[in-house]
Amino acid sequence: MTKKKGQLNWDAFSENVEKVLGEDFWDDMHHVIPKKGPSYDFFQTKDQGVLVIELPGMTKNDHVQMTQEGTRLIVKGTVTPPYPVPVEELIHDERMKGSFKRIIPIPFPFSIDDITTAYSDGLMVITLRKHADSNEVRIHFDPQ
């Protein structure tokens, strides 16, 4: 199994698990270990970072909140399933719904005040403007 930038190669891992444990393994496991939050992609340019978070079925009535803790962005909320039956009556229940929380490490300084968001086609796009990485504090002396 090869690594990509210090991380596990999930495609190779998944393929090896299926070879050993069978093709139905992942279908069976999602009932034992439910998904704890939405999937996301992250990329950055010179001036900003962009998160693309999967939140299919979210409406303006669903509650989503973002907070900052240091260089981590915390996205939490609730996605209400749009079904005419209770979730307990679903024959197959695989999609993420209900409460979620994702703690996303951001590899650069940012301010919650410089974040823009957009939601379309089941994707929430969060753009974070990069701040200067300098920790230098200038000292001003009074004239004597």
C-alpha atoms as a PDB file:
ATOM      1  CA  MET A   1       0.000   0.000   0.000  1.00  0.00           C
ATOM      2  CA  THR A   2       1.524   3.317  -1.047  1.00  0.00           C
ATOM      3  CA  LYS A   3       1.085   6.591   0.769  1.00  0.00           C
ATOM      4  CA  LYS A   4       0.134   9.949  -0.715  1.00  0.00           C
ATOM      5  CA  LYS A   5       1.790  12.905   1.023  1.00  0.00           C
ATOM      6  CA  GLY A   6       2.096  11.056   4.329  1.00  0.00           C
ATOM      7  CA  GLN A   7      -1.465   9.729   4.295  1.00  0.00           C
ATOM      8  CA  LEU A   8      -2.947   6.295   3.783  1.00  0.00           C
ATOM      9  CA  ASN A   9      -3.884   5.430   0.202  1.00  0.00           C
ATOM     10  CA  TRP A  10      -7.575   4.668   0.831  1.00  0.00           C
ATOM     11  CA  ASP A  11      -8.171   3.256  -2.650  1.00  0.00           C
ATOM     12  CA  ALA A  12      -5.470   0.616  -2.185  1.00  0.00           C
ATOM     13  CA  PHE A  13      -6.599  -0.035   1.404  1.00  0.00           C
ATOM     14  CA  SER A  14     -10.219  -0.499   0.340  1.00  0.00           C
ATOM     15  CA  GLU A  15      -9.187  -2.803  -2.493  1.00  0.00           C
ATOM     16  CA  ASN A  16      -7.072  -4.945  -0.144  1.00  0.00           C
ATOM     17  CA  VAL A  17      -9.884  -5.127   2.436  1.00  0.00           C
ATOM     18  CA  GLU A  18     -12.319  -6.283  -0.261  1.00  0.00           C
ATOM     19  CA  LYS A  19      -9.851  -8.982  -1.399  1.00  0.00           C
ATOM     20  CA  VAL A  20      -9.519 -10.337   2.142  1.00  0.00           C
ATOM     21  CA  LEU A  21     -12.976  -9.729   3.635  1.00  0.00           C
ATOM     22  CA  GLY A  22     -15.212  -9.744   0.543  1.00  0.00           C
ATOM     23  CA  GLU A  23     -16.940  -7.187  -1.642  1.00  0.00           C
ATOM     24  CA  ASP A  24     -19.842  -6.686   0.790  1.00  0.00           C
ATOM     25  CA  PHE A  25     -17.571  -5.677   3.675  1.00  0.00           C
ATOM     26  CA  TRP A  26     -17.996  -1.899   3.294  1.00  0.00           C
ATOM     27  CA  ASP A  27     -21.776  -2.215   2.813  1.00  0.00           C
ATOM     28  CA  ASP A  28     -21.992  -4.211   6.034  1.00  0.00           C
ATOM     29  CA  MET A  29     -19.633  -1.919   7.960  1.00  0.00           C
ATOM     30  CA  HIS A  30     -21.609   1.289   7.445  1.00  0.00           C
ATOM     31  CA  HIS A  31     -24.305  -0.167   9.723  1.00  0.00           C
ATOM     32  CA  VAL A  32     -21.733  -0.874  12.446  1.00  0.00           C
ATOM     33  CA  ILE A  33     -19.678   2.306  12.062  1.00  0.00           C
ATOM     34  CA  PRO A  34     -21.984   5.074  10.830  1.00  0.00           C
ATOM     35  CA  LYS A  35     -20.531   8.073   9.032  1.00  0.00           C
ATOM     36  CA  LYS A  36     -19.906  10.830  11.592  1.00  0.00           C
ATOM     37  CA  GLY A  37     -19.925  13.800   9.272  1.00  0.00           C
ATOM     38  CA  PRO A  38     -19.985  15.003   5.696  1.00  0.00           C
ATOM     39  CA  SER A  39     -17.087  14.308   3.347  1.00  0.00           C
ATOM     40  CA  TYR A  40     -15.019  17.252   2.181  1.00  0.00           C
ATOM     41  CA  ASP A  41     -12.272  18.213  -0.232  1.00  0.00           C
ATOM     42  CA  PHE A  42      -9.771  20.981   0.456  1.00  0.00           C
ATOM     43  CA  PHE A  43      -7.399  22.879  -1.808  1.00  0.00           C
ATOM     44  CA  GLN A  44      -5.501  26.126  -1.603  1.00  0.00           C
ATOM     45  CA  THR A  45      -4.203  28.803  -3.901  1.00  0.00           C
ATOM     46  CA  LYS A  46      -1.726  31.593  -3.195  1.00  0.00           C
ATOM     47  CA  ASP A  47      -4.348  33.772  -1.466  1.00  0.00           C
ATOM     48  CA  GLN A  48      -7.048  31.425  -0.175  1.00  0.00           C
ATOM     49  CA  GLY A  49      -8.138  27.962   0.836  1.00  0.00           C
ATOM     50  CA  VAL A  50     -11.348  26.357  -0.404  1.00  0.00           C
ATOM     51  CA  LEU A  51     -13.360  23.643   1.331  1.00  0.00           C
ATOM     52  CA  VAL A  52     -16.040  21.774  -0.595  1.00  0.00           C
ATOM     53  CA  ILE A  53     -18.319  19.910   1.814  1.00  0.00           C
ATOM     54  CA  GLU A  54     -20.955  17.370   0.732  1.00  0.00           C
ATOM     55  CA  LEU A  55     -24.303  18.255   2.301  1.00  0.00           C
ATOM     56  CA  PRO A  56     -26.896  16.793  -0.084  1.00  0.00           C
ATOM     57  CA  GLY A  57     -30.481  17.630   0.690  1.00  0.00           C
ATOM     58  CA  MET A  58     -29.665  20.564   2.957  1.00  0.00           C
ATOM     59  CA  THR A  59     -32.198  23.383   2.898  1.00  0.00           C
ATOM     60  CA  LYS A  60     -32.214  26.895   4.330  1.00  0.00           C
ATOM     61  CA  ASN A  61     -34.216  25.490   7.259  1.00  0.00           C
ATOM     62  CA  ASP A  62     -31.381  23.147   8.263  1.00  0.00           C
ATOM     63  CA  HIS A  63     -29.057  24.489  10.918  1.00  0.00           C
ATOM     64  CA  VAL A  64     -25.328  24.742  10.041  1.00  0.00           C
ATOM     65  CA  GLN A  65     -22.825  26.661  12.157  1.00  0.00           C
ATOM     66  CA  MET A  66     -19.120  27.437  11.682  1.00  0.00           C
ATOM     67  CA  THR A  67     -16.695  28.417  14.429  1.00  0.00           C
ATOM     68  CA  GLN A  68     -12.948  28.909  14.573  1.00  0.00           C
ATOM     69  CA  GLU A  69     -10.598  27.407  17.165  1.00  0.00           C
ATOM     70  CA  GLY A  70      -7.065  28.524  16.376  1.00  0.00           C
ATOM     71  CA  THR A  71      -6.306  27.139  12.925  1.00  0.00           C
ATOM     72  CA  ARG A  72      -9.228  24.714  12.958  1.00  0.00           C
ATOM     73  CA  LEU A  73     -12.607  25.323  11.380  1.00  0.00           C
ATOM     74  CA  ILE A  74     -15.480  23.539  13.084  1.00  0.00           C
ATOM     75  CA  VAL A  75     -18.556  22.900  10.958  1.00  0.00           C
ATOM     76  CA  LYS A  76     -21.556  21.420  12.717  1.00  0.00           C
ATOM     77  CA  GLY A  77     -25.248  21.229  12.139  1.00  0.00           C
ATOM     78  CA  THR A  78     -28.187  19.055  11.304  1.00  0.00           C
ATOM     79  CA  VAL A  79     -29.446  17.830   7.960  1.00  0.00           C
ATOM     80  CA  THR A  80     -33.078  16.739   8.022  1.00  0.00           C
ATOM     81  CA  PRO A  81     -33.959  13.893   5.644  1.00  0.00           C
ATOM     82  CA  PRO A  82     -36.735  14.863   3.198  1.00  0.00           C
ATOM     83  CA  TYR A  83     -38.616  11.571   3.385  1.00  0.00           C
ATOM     84  CA  PRO A  84     -42.363  11.083   3.952  1.00  0.00           C
ATOM     85  CA  VAL A  85     -41.553   8.242   6.412  1.00  0.00           C
ATOM     86  CA  PRO A  86     -39.496   8.271   9.628  1.00  0.00           C
ATOM     87  CA  VAL A  87     -35.803   7.369   9.275  1.00  0.00           C
ATOM     88  CA  GLU A  88     -36.441   4.217  11.339  1.00  0.00           C
ATOM     89  CA  GLU A  89     -38.689   2.919   8.536  1.00  0.00           C
ATOM     90  CA  LEU A  90     -36.075   3.190   5.779  1.00  0.00           C
ATOM     91  CA  ILE A  91     -35.349  -0.186   4.191  1.00  0.00           C
ATOM     92  CA  HIS A  92     -31.743   0.824   3.494  1.00  0.00           C
ATOM     93  CA  ASP A  93     -30.193   3.708   5.443  1.00  0.00           C
ATOM     94  CA  GLU A  94     -26.792   4.831   4.172  1.00  0.00           C
ATOM     95  CA  ARG A  95     -26.821   8.569   3.461  1.00  0.00           C
ATOM     96  CA  MET A  96     -25.607  11.031   6.069  1.00  0.00           C
ATOM     97  CA  LYS A  97     -28.444  12.728   7.899  1.00  0.00           C
ATOM     98  CA  GLY A  98     -29.097  14.158  11.317  1.00  0.00           C
ATOM     99  CA  SER A  99     -26.517  15.942  13.451  1.00  0.00           C
ATOM    100  CA  PHE A 100     -22.904  16.214  12.344  1.00  0.00           C
ATOM    101  CA  LYS A 101     -19.659  17.861  13.374  1.00  0.00           C
ATOM    102  CA  ARG A 102     -16.398  18.090  11.390  1.00  0.00           C
ATOM    103  CA  ILE A 103     -13.219  19.616  12.785  1.00  0.00           C
ATOM    104  CA  ILE A 104     -11.103  20.649   9.811  1.00  0.00           C
ATOM    105  CA  PRO A 105      -7.463  21.637  10.295  1.00  0.00           C
ATOM    106  CA  ILE A 106      -6.537  24.627   8.139  1.00  0.00           C
ATOM    107  CA  PRO A 107      -2.798  24.813   7.298  1.00  0.00           C
ATOM    108  CA  PHE A 108      -2.601  28.615   7.359  1.00  0.00           C
ATOM    109  CA  PRO A 109      -3.757  31.520   9.553  1.00  0.00           C
ATOM    110  CA  PHE A 110      -7.258  32.788   8.801  1.00  0.00           C
ATOM    111  CA  SER A 111     -10.009  34.859  10.358  1.00  0.00           C
ATOM    112  CA  ILE A 112     -13.635  33.814  10.662  1.00  0.00           C
ATOM    113  CA  ASP A 113     -14.489  37.337   9.444  1.00  0.00           C
ATOM    114  CA  ASP A 114     -12.889  36.628   6.051  1.00  0.00           C
ATOM    115  CA  ILE A 115     -14.879  33.502   5.158  1.00  0.00           C
ATOM    116  CA  THR A 116     -17.420  33.359   2.361  1.00  0.00           C
ATOM    117  CA  THR A 117     -19.844  30.504   1.753  1.00  0.00           C
ATOM    118  CA  ALA A 118     -22.117  29.309  -1.011  1.00  0.00           C
ATOM    119  CA  TYR A 119     -24.424  26.299  -1.291  1.00  0.00           C
ATOM    120  CA  SER A 120     -25.459  24.732  -4.590  1.00  0.00           C
ATOM    121  CA  ASP A 121     -26.197  21.240  -5.902  1.00  0.00           C
ATOM    122  CA  GLY A 122     -25.602  19.601  -2.514  1.00  0.00           C
ATOM    123  CA  LEU A 123     -22.185  21.188  -1.987  1.00  0.00           C
ATOM    124  CA  MET A 124     -21.235  23.872   0.497  1.00  0.00           C
ATOM    125  CA  VAL A 125     -18.217  25.834  -0.725  1.00  0.00           C
ATOM    126  CA  ILE A 126     -16.303  27.661   2.004  1.00  0.00           C
ATOM    127  CA  THR A 127     -13.584  30.095   0.948  1.00  0.00           C
ATOM    128  CA  LEU A 128     -11.045  31.205   3.569  1.00  0.00           C
ATOM    129  CA  ARG A 129      -8.761  34.145   2.849  1.00  0.00           C
ATOM    130  CA  LYS A 130      -5.169  33.563   3.985  1.00  0.00           C
ATOM    131  CA  HIS A 131      -3.701  35.973   6.511  1.00  0.00           C
ATOM    132  CA  ALA A 132      -0.060  36.959   6.843  1.00  0.00           C
ATOM    133  CA  ASP A 133       1.995  34.273   8.541  1.00  0.00           C
ATOM    134  CA  SER A 134       4.192  36.763  10.377  1.00  0.00           C
ATOM    135  CA  ASN A 135       4.247  36.721  14.175  1.00  0.00           C
ATOM    136  CA  GLU A 136       6.363  39.859  14.411  1.00  0.00           C
ATOM    137  CA  VAL A 137       5.032  42.633  16.625  1.00  0.00           C
ATOM    138  CA  ARG A 138       6.475  46.107  16.021  1.00  0.00           C
ATOM    139  CA  ILE A 139       7.487  48.101  19.061  1.00  0.00           C
ATOM    140  CA  HIS A 140       6.880  51.855  18.937  1.00  0.00           C
ATOM    141  CA  PHE A 141       8.924  54.096  21.243  1.00  0.00           C
ATOM    142  CA  ASP A 142       7.692  57.395  22.548  1.00  0.00           C
ATOM    143  CA  PRO A 143       9.987  60.321  21.554  1.00  0.00           C
ATOM    144  CA  GLN A 144      12.190  61.456  24.437  1.00  0.00           C
END
